[in-house]
Structure formats: C-alpha cells, structure tokens
Amino acid sequence: MTPEAARFLAKARECLADAVLYQLLVPRIAGREAYLAAFHAAEALFYERTGNIAKTHRGVGAR
C-alpha cells in the first residue's frame, strides 16, 4: 500500500470513529462522518488502482 492510500485510510478510520462517537448524541453528524469515512476509503482504493487523486466527490464516483 502506498503512503498516500494509507493516509486516506487513516482519515477514513478517524471519520468512522467520530461517527461511532456521535451516533447516539447527534445522529445527523454521525451520518455525515460515516459518509466521509466511505469517501476517504473510496479515495484510497481509487488511488491504489489508478495512481491519481480524485479532487471531488464526482471524481471518485466517476471512476
């Protein structure tokens, strides 16, 4: 795994931990954090497969 992809996955884990923390307190924030976790995980996969960094949400989904 490249260092860049590892950073994306670390960010995904951080967002997921925040989602778990907020799930009972503020579910709306938990949902946003869970979405960001999935986005960063997708960025890691995209980077590993193509070597490119997606700069937008559309860029991740378009690949």
C-alpha atoms as a PDB file:
ATOM      1  CA  MET A   1       0.000   0.000   0.000  1.00  0.00           C
ATOM      2  CA  THR A   2       1.274   3.432  -0.904  1.00  0.00           C
ATOM      3  CA  PRO A   3       1.727   6.084   1.785  1.00  0.00           C
ATOM      4  CA  GLU A   4      -0.953   8.221   0.148  1.00  0.00           C
ATOM      5  CA  ALA A   5      -3.526   5.434   0.263  1.00  0.00           C
ATOM      6  CA  ALA A   6      -2.573   4.722   3.864  1.00  0.00           C
ATOM      7  CA  ARG A   7      -3.283   8.367   4.730  1.00  0.00           C
ATOM      8  CA  PHE A   8      -6.691   8.160   3.063  1.00  0.00           C
ATOM      9  CA  LEU A   9      -7.498   5.025   5.053  1.00  0.00           C
ATOM     10  CA  ALA A  10      -6.299   6.637   8.282  1.00  0.00           C
ATOM     11  CA  LYS A  11      -8.645   9.553   7.617  1.00  0.00           C
ATOM     12  CA  ALA A  12     -11.466   7.091   6.912  1.00  0.00           C
ATOM     13  CA  ARG A  13     -10.845   5.361  10.245  1.00  0.00           C
ATOM     14  CA  GLU A  14     -10.820   8.725  12.030  1.00  0.00           C
ATOM     15  CA  CYS A  15     -14.154   9.711  10.484  1.00  0.00           C
ATOM     16  CA  LEU A  16     -15.650   6.326  11.308  1.00  0.00           C
ATOM     17  CA  ALA A  17     -14.534   6.641  14.928  1.00  0.00           C
ATOM     18  CA  ASP A  18     -16.223  10.054  15.072  1.00  0.00           C
ATOM     19  CA  ALA A  19     -19.385   8.554  13.590  1.00  0.00           C
ATOM     20  CA  VAL A  20     -19.480   5.907  16.302  1.00  0.00           C
ATOM     21  CA  LEU A  21     -18.893   8.557  18.950  1.00  0.00           C
ATOM     22  CA  TYR A  22     -21.753  10.759  17.737  1.00  0.00           C
ATOM     23  CA  GLN A  23     -24.276   8.079  16.768  1.00  0.00           C
ATOM     24  CA  LEU A  24     -26.354   8.422  19.929  1.00  0.00           C
ATOM     25  CA  LEU A  25     -25.699  12.097  20.627  1.00  0.00           C
ATOM     26  CA  VAL A  26     -26.221  13.684  17.220  1.00  0.00           C
ATOM     27  CA  PRO A  27     -27.228  11.119  14.580  1.00  0.00           C
ATOM     28  CA  ARG A  28     -27.089  13.676  11.762  1.00  0.00           C
ATOM     29  CA  ILE A  29     -23.409  14.361  12.429  1.00  0.00           C
ATOM     30  CA  ALA A  30     -22.759  10.633  12.749  1.00  0.00           C
ATOM     31  CA  GLY A  31     -24.247  10.128   9.290  1.00  0.00           C
ATOM     32  CA  ARG A  32     -22.029  12.809   7.797  1.00  0.00           C
ATOM     33  CA  GLU A  33     -18.943  11.320   9.384  1.00  0.00           C
ATOM     34  CA  ALA A  34     -19.872   7.838   8.145  1.00  0.00           C
ATOM     35  CA  TYR A  35     -20.286   9.244   4.637  1.00  0.00           C
ATOM     36  CA  LEU A  36     -16.859  10.890   4.839  1.00  0.00           C
ATOM     37  CA  ALA A  37     -15.354   7.611   6.034  1.00  0.00           C
ATOM     38  CA  ALA A  38     -16.725   5.855   2.960  1.00  0.00           C
ATOM     39  CA  PHE A  39     -15.495   8.681   0.725  1.00  0.00           C
ATOM     40  CA  HIS A  40     -11.944   8.516   2.068  1.00  0.00           C
ATOM     41  CA  ALA A  41     -11.904   4.725   1.783  1.00  0.00           C
ATOM     42  CA  ALA A  42     -13.015   5.063  -1.851  1.00  0.00           C
ATOM     43  CA  GLU A  43     -10.247   7.607  -2.422  1.00  0.00           C
ATOM     44  CA  ALA A  44      -7.710   5.110  -1.106  1.00  0.00           C
ATOM     45  CA  LEU A  45      -8.961   2.391  -3.445  1.00  0.00           C
ATOM     46  CA  PHE A  46      -9.060   4.783  -6.391  1.00  0.00           C
ATOM     47  CA  TYR A  47      -5.508   5.927  -5.700  1.00  0.00           C
ATOM     48  CA  GLU A  48      -4.206   2.373  -5.381  1.00  0.00           C
ATOM     49  CA  ARG A  49      -5.773   1.342  -8.678  1.00  0.00           C
ATOM     50  CA  THR A  50      -5.020   4.417 -10.794  1.00  0.00           C
ATOM     51  CA  GLY A  51      -2.305   6.407  -9.050  1.00  0.00           C
ATOM     52  CA  ASN A  52      -4.477   9.524  -9.317  1.00  0.00           C
ATOM     53  CA  ILE A  53      -6.078  11.534  -6.556  1.00  0.00           C
ATOM     54  CA  ALA A  54      -9.744  12.410  -7.001  1.00  0.00           C
ATOM     55  CA  LYS A  55     -10.259  16.041  -6.082  1.00  0.00           C
ATOM     56  CA  THR A  56     -14.054  15.955  -5.912  1.00  0.00           C
ATOM     57  CA  HIS A  57     -16.796  13.574  -4.883  1.00  0.00           C
ATOM     58  CA  ARG A  58     -17.763  13.311  -8.548  1.00  0.00           C
ATOM     59  CA  GLY A  59     -14.177  12.328  -9.351  1.00  0.00           C
ATOM     60  CA  VAL A  60     -14.364   9.333  -7.014  1.00  0.00           C
ATOM     61  CA  GLY A  61     -17.749   8.216  -8.323  1.00  0.00           C
ATOM     62  CA  ALA A  62     -16.861   8.635 -11.993  1.00  0.00           C
ATOM     63  CA  ARG A  63     -14.064   6.082 -11.966  1.00  0.00           C
END
